[in-house]
Amino acid sequence: MLNNSKGKETLLKEYKDKANKFIDRRFGEYDTNMDPEEKILQRFSMERQRTQDKKDMYNLNEEEELTPLWPVSV
């Protein structure tokens, strides 16, 4: 009996400020003015933009000239 009450006390502290809700944050999900095709197109373009941003992070510009950190004697 003692172990059960101690377990309840610790679990109640852990879950005190938690809520069991799922919030749908998809683009245009609750917008009734958008057609289903528009929603799909917007979601697709946002996903493409997100993946493109990740790729651009590692893309070096061709225009920049890379110089060494040490002095170069000519």
N, C-alpha and C. Protein backbone atom coordinates (compact mmCIF):
# COMPACT_ATOMS: atom_id res chain seq x y z
N MET A 1 0.83 -1.19 0.00
CA MET A 1 0.00 0.00 0.00
C MET A 1 0.87 1.25 0.00
N LEU A 2 1.97 1.23 0.70
CA LEU A 2 2.86 2.38 0.77
C LEU A 2 3.49 2.67 -0.60
N ASN A 3 3.89 1.63 -1.31
CA ASN A 3 4.51 1.82 -2.62
C ASN A 3 3.53 2.41 -3.63
N ASN A 4 2.27 2.01 -3.56
CA ASN A 4 1.26 2.51 -4.49
C ASN A 4 1.03 4.01 -4.30
N SER A 5 0.94 4.47 -3.09
CA SER A 5 0.70 5.89 -2.84
C SER A 5 1.92 6.72 -3.23
N LYS A 6 3.10 6.18 -3.01
CA LYS A 6 4.32 6.90 -3.40
C LYS A 6 4.40 7.02 -4.92
N GLY A 7 4.02 5.96 -5.63
CA GLY A 7 4.01 6.00 -7.09
C GLY A 7 3.01 7.00 -7.62
N LYS A 8 1.85 7.07 -6.99
CA LYS A 8 0.84 8.04 -7.42
C LYS A 8 1.34 9.47 -7.21
N GLU A 9 2.01 9.70 -6.10
CA GLU A 9 2.52 11.05 -5.83
C GLU A 9 3.54 11.48 -6.87
N THR A 10 4.44 10.59 -7.22
CA THR A 10 5.46 10.96 -8.21
C THR A 10 4.85 11.13 -9.60
N LEU A 11 3.90 10.28 -9.96
CA LEU A 11 3.26 10.41 -11.27
C LEU A 11 2.41 11.68 -11.35
N LEU A 12 1.75 12.01 -10.28
CA LEU A 12 0.93 13.22 -10.29
C LEU A 12 1.80 14.46 -10.46
N LYS A 13 2.98 14.46 -9.88
CA LYS A 13 3.88 15.60 -10.05
C LYS A 13 4.36 15.70 -11.50
N GLU A 14 4.64 14.57 -12.12
CA GLU A 14 5.13 14.58 -13.50
C GLU A 14 4.06 15.04 -14.49
N TYR A 15 2.83 14.65 -14.27
CA TYR A 15 1.76 14.93 -15.23
C TYR A 15 0.86 16.08 -14.80
N LYS A 16 1.30 16.88 -13.86
CA LYS A 16 0.46 17.94 -13.32
C LYS A 16 0.05 18.96 -14.40
N ASP A 17 0.98 19.46 -15.18
CA ASP A 17 0.68 20.51 -16.16
C ASP A 17 0.55 19.97 -17.58
N LYS A 18 0.35 18.68 -17.73
CA LYS A 18 0.24 18.07 -19.06
C LYS A 18 -1.23 18.00 -19.47
N ALA A 19 -1.44 18.08 -20.77
CA ALA A 19 -2.79 17.95 -21.32
C ALA A 19 -2.73 16.93 -22.45
N ASN A 20 -3.78 16.19 -22.61
CA ASN A 20 -3.83 15.15 -23.63
C ASN A 20 -4.61 15.66 -24.83
N LYS A 21 -4.06 16.62 -25.53
CA LYS A 21 -4.74 17.19 -26.68
C LYS A 21 -3.81 17.16 -27.88
N PHE A 22 -4.41 16.92 -29.04
CA PHE A 22 -3.68 16.96 -30.30
C PHE A 22 -4.15 18.19 -31.07
N ILE A 23 -3.21 19.07 -31.41
CA ILE A 23 -3.55 20.28 -32.14
C ILE A 23 -3.07 20.11 -33.57
N ASP A 24 -4.01 20.19 -34.50
CA ASP A 24 -3.70 20.03 -35.91
C ASP A 24 -3.19 21.36 -36.45
N ARG A 25 -1.90 21.43 -36.77
CA ARG A 25 -1.30 22.68 -37.22
C ARG A 25 -0.97 22.67 -38.71
N ARG A 26 -1.65 21.81 -39.45
CA ARG A 26 -1.40 21.79 -40.89
C ARG A 26 -1.91 23.08 -41.51
N PHE A 27 -1.21 23.52 -42.56
CA PHE A 27 -1.57 24.77 -43.22
C PHE A 27 -2.95 24.65 -43.86
N GLY A 28 -3.84 25.59 -43.55
CA GLY A 28 -5.15 25.65 -44.18
C GLY A 28 -6.14 24.62 -43.69
N GLU A 29 -5.86 23.94 -42.61
CA GLU A 29 -6.75 22.87 -42.16
C GLU A 29 -8.10 23.42 -41.71
N TYR A 30 -8.10 24.57 -41.06
CA TYR A 30 -9.35 25.12 -40.55
C TYR A 30 -9.83 26.32 -41.37
N ASP A 31 -9.25 26.52 -42.54
CA ASP A 31 -9.66 27.60 -43.43
C ASP A 31 -10.72 27.07 -44.39
N THR A 32 -11.95 27.52 -44.22
CA THR A 32 -13.05 27.01 -45.05
C THR A 32 -13.08 27.67 -46.43
N ASN A 33 -12.35 28.78 -46.61
CA ASN A 33 -12.36 29.48 -47.89
C ASN A 33 -11.45 28.83 -48.92
N MET A 34 -10.55 27.96 -48.49
CA MET A 34 -9.60 27.34 -49.42
C MET A 34 -10.16 26.03 -49.96
N ASP A 35 -9.94 25.82 -51.24
CA ASP A 35 -10.30 24.54 -51.86
C ASP A 35 -9.30 23.48 -51.41
N PRO A 36 -9.71 22.22 -51.43
CA PRO A 36 -8.76 21.15 -51.07
C PRO A 36 -7.52 21.13 -51.96
N GLU A 37 -7.68 21.46 -53.23
CA GLU A 37 -6.52 21.50 -54.13
C GLU A 37 -5.57 22.62 -53.75
N GLU A 38 -6.10 23.77 -53.34
CA GLU A 38 -5.26 24.88 -52.91
C GLU A 38 -4.49 24.51 -51.65
N LYS A 39 -5.14 23.83 -50.72
CA LYS A 39 -4.47 23.40 -49.50
C LYS A 39 -3.31 22.48 -49.82
N ILE A 40 -3.56 21.52 -50.70
CA ILE A 40 -2.52 20.55 -51.06
C ILE A 40 -1.36 21.27 -51.74
N LEU A 41 -1.66 22.21 -52.63
CA LEU A 41 -0.62 22.94 -53.34
C LEU A 41 0.22 23.78 -52.37
N GLN A 42 -0.44 24.46 -51.44
CA GLN A 42 0.28 25.28 -50.47
C GLN A 42 1.15 24.42 -49.55
N ARG A 43 0.62 23.29 -49.10
CA ARG A 43 1.41 22.40 -48.24
C ARG A 43 2.62 21.86 -48.98
N PHE A 44 2.41 21.50 -50.25
CA PHE A 44 3.51 20.97 -51.05
C PHE A 44 4.59 22.03 -51.24
N SER A 45 4.19 23.27 -51.55
CA SER A 45 5.17 24.33 -51.76
C SER A 45 5.91 24.67 -50.47
N MET A 46 5.22 24.63 -49.34
CA MET A 46 5.89 24.89 -48.06
C MET A 46 6.89 23.79 -47.74
N GLU A 47 6.54 22.54 -48.03
CA GLU A 47 7.45 21.42 -47.80
C GLU A 47 8.68 21.53 -48.70
N ARG A 48 8.47 21.89 -49.96
CA ARG A 48 9.60 22.06 -50.88
C ARG A 48 10.51 23.19 -50.40
N GLN A 49 9.93 24.27 -49.92
CA GLN A 49 10.72 25.39 -49.43
C GLN A 49 11.53 24.97 -48.22
N ARG A 50 10.95 24.20 -47.33
CA ARG A 50 11.64 23.75 -46.14
C ARG A 50 12.83 22.86 -46.49
N THR A 51 12.65 21.94 -47.43
CA THR A 51 13.75 21.07 -47.83
C THR A 51 14.81 21.85 -48.60
N GLN A 52 14.40 22.83 -49.38
CA GLN A 52 15.36 23.65 -50.13
C GLN A 52 16.21 24.47 -49.17
N ASP A 53 15.61 25.00 -48.11
CA ASP A 53 16.36 25.77 -47.12
C ASP A 53 17.43 24.91 -46.46
N LYS A 54 17.11 23.65 -46.19
CA LYS A 54 18.08 22.75 -45.58
C LYS A 54 19.24 22.48 -46.53
N LYS A 55 18.93 22.34 -47.82
CA LYS A 55 19.98 22.09 -48.81
C LYS A 55 20.86 23.32 -49.00
N ASP A 56 20.26 24.50 -48.98
CA ASP A 56 21.01 25.74 -49.18
C ASP A 56 21.99 26.00 -48.05
N MET A 57 21.74 25.45 -46.90
CA MET A 57 22.62 25.68 -45.77
C MET A 57 24.03 25.15 -46.07
N TYR A 58 24.13 24.08 -46.83
CA TYR A 58 25.42 23.48 -47.14
C TYR A 58 25.93 23.85 -48.53
N ASN A 59 25.19 24.66 -49.24
CA ASN A 59 25.57 25.04 -50.59
C ASN A 59 26.53 26.23 -50.52
N LEU A 60 27.74 26.06 -51.04
CA LEU A 60 28.69 27.16 -51.08
C LEU A 60 28.46 27.97 -52.34
N ASN A 61 28.54 29.27 -52.19
CA ASN A 61 28.37 30.14 -53.36
C ASN A 61 29.59 30.01 -54.26
N GLU A 62 29.36 29.93 -55.54
CA GLU A 62 30.46 29.82 -56.50
C GLU A 62 31.19 31.16 -56.62
N GLU A 63 30.51 32.25 -56.34
CA GLU A 63 31.09 33.57 -56.51
C GLU A 63 32.13 33.90 -55.44
N GLU A 64 31.97 33.37 -54.27
CA GLU A 64 32.90 33.67 -53.20
C GLU A 64 34.24 33.00 -53.46
N GLU A 65 35.30 33.75 -53.20
CA GLU A 65 36.63 33.19 -53.37
C GLU A 65 37.13 32.74 -52.01
N LEU A 66 37.48 31.50 -51.90
CA LEU A 66 37.98 30.97 -50.65
C LEU A 66 39.46 31.27 -50.54
N THR A 67 39.85 31.82 -49.41
CA THR A 67 41.26 32.13 -49.18
C THR A 67 41.77 31.30 -48.02
N PRO A 68 43.03 30.91 -48.04
CA PRO A 68 43.57 30.12 -46.94
C PRO A 68 43.75 30.99 -45.70
N LEU A 69 43.79 30.36 -44.56
CA LEU A 69 43.94 31.08 -43.30
C LEU A 69 45.40 31.46 -43.03
N TRP A 70 46.35 30.80 -43.66
CA TRP A 70 47.76 31.08 -43.45
C TRP A 70 48.27 31.96 -44.59
N PRO A 71 49.36 32.69 -44.35
CA PRO A 71 49.91 33.54 -45.42
C PRO A 71 50.49 32.69 -46.55
N VAL A 72 50.23 33.12 -47.74
CA VAL A 72 50.71 32.40 -48.92
C VAL A 72 51.81 33.24 -49.56
N SER A 73 52.98 32.64 -49.75
CA SER A 73 54.07 33.37 -50.41
C SER A 73 54.01 33.08 -51.91
N VAL A 74 54.11 34.12 -52.69
CA VAL A 74 53.99 33.98 -54.14
C VAL A 74 55.34 33.95 -54.80
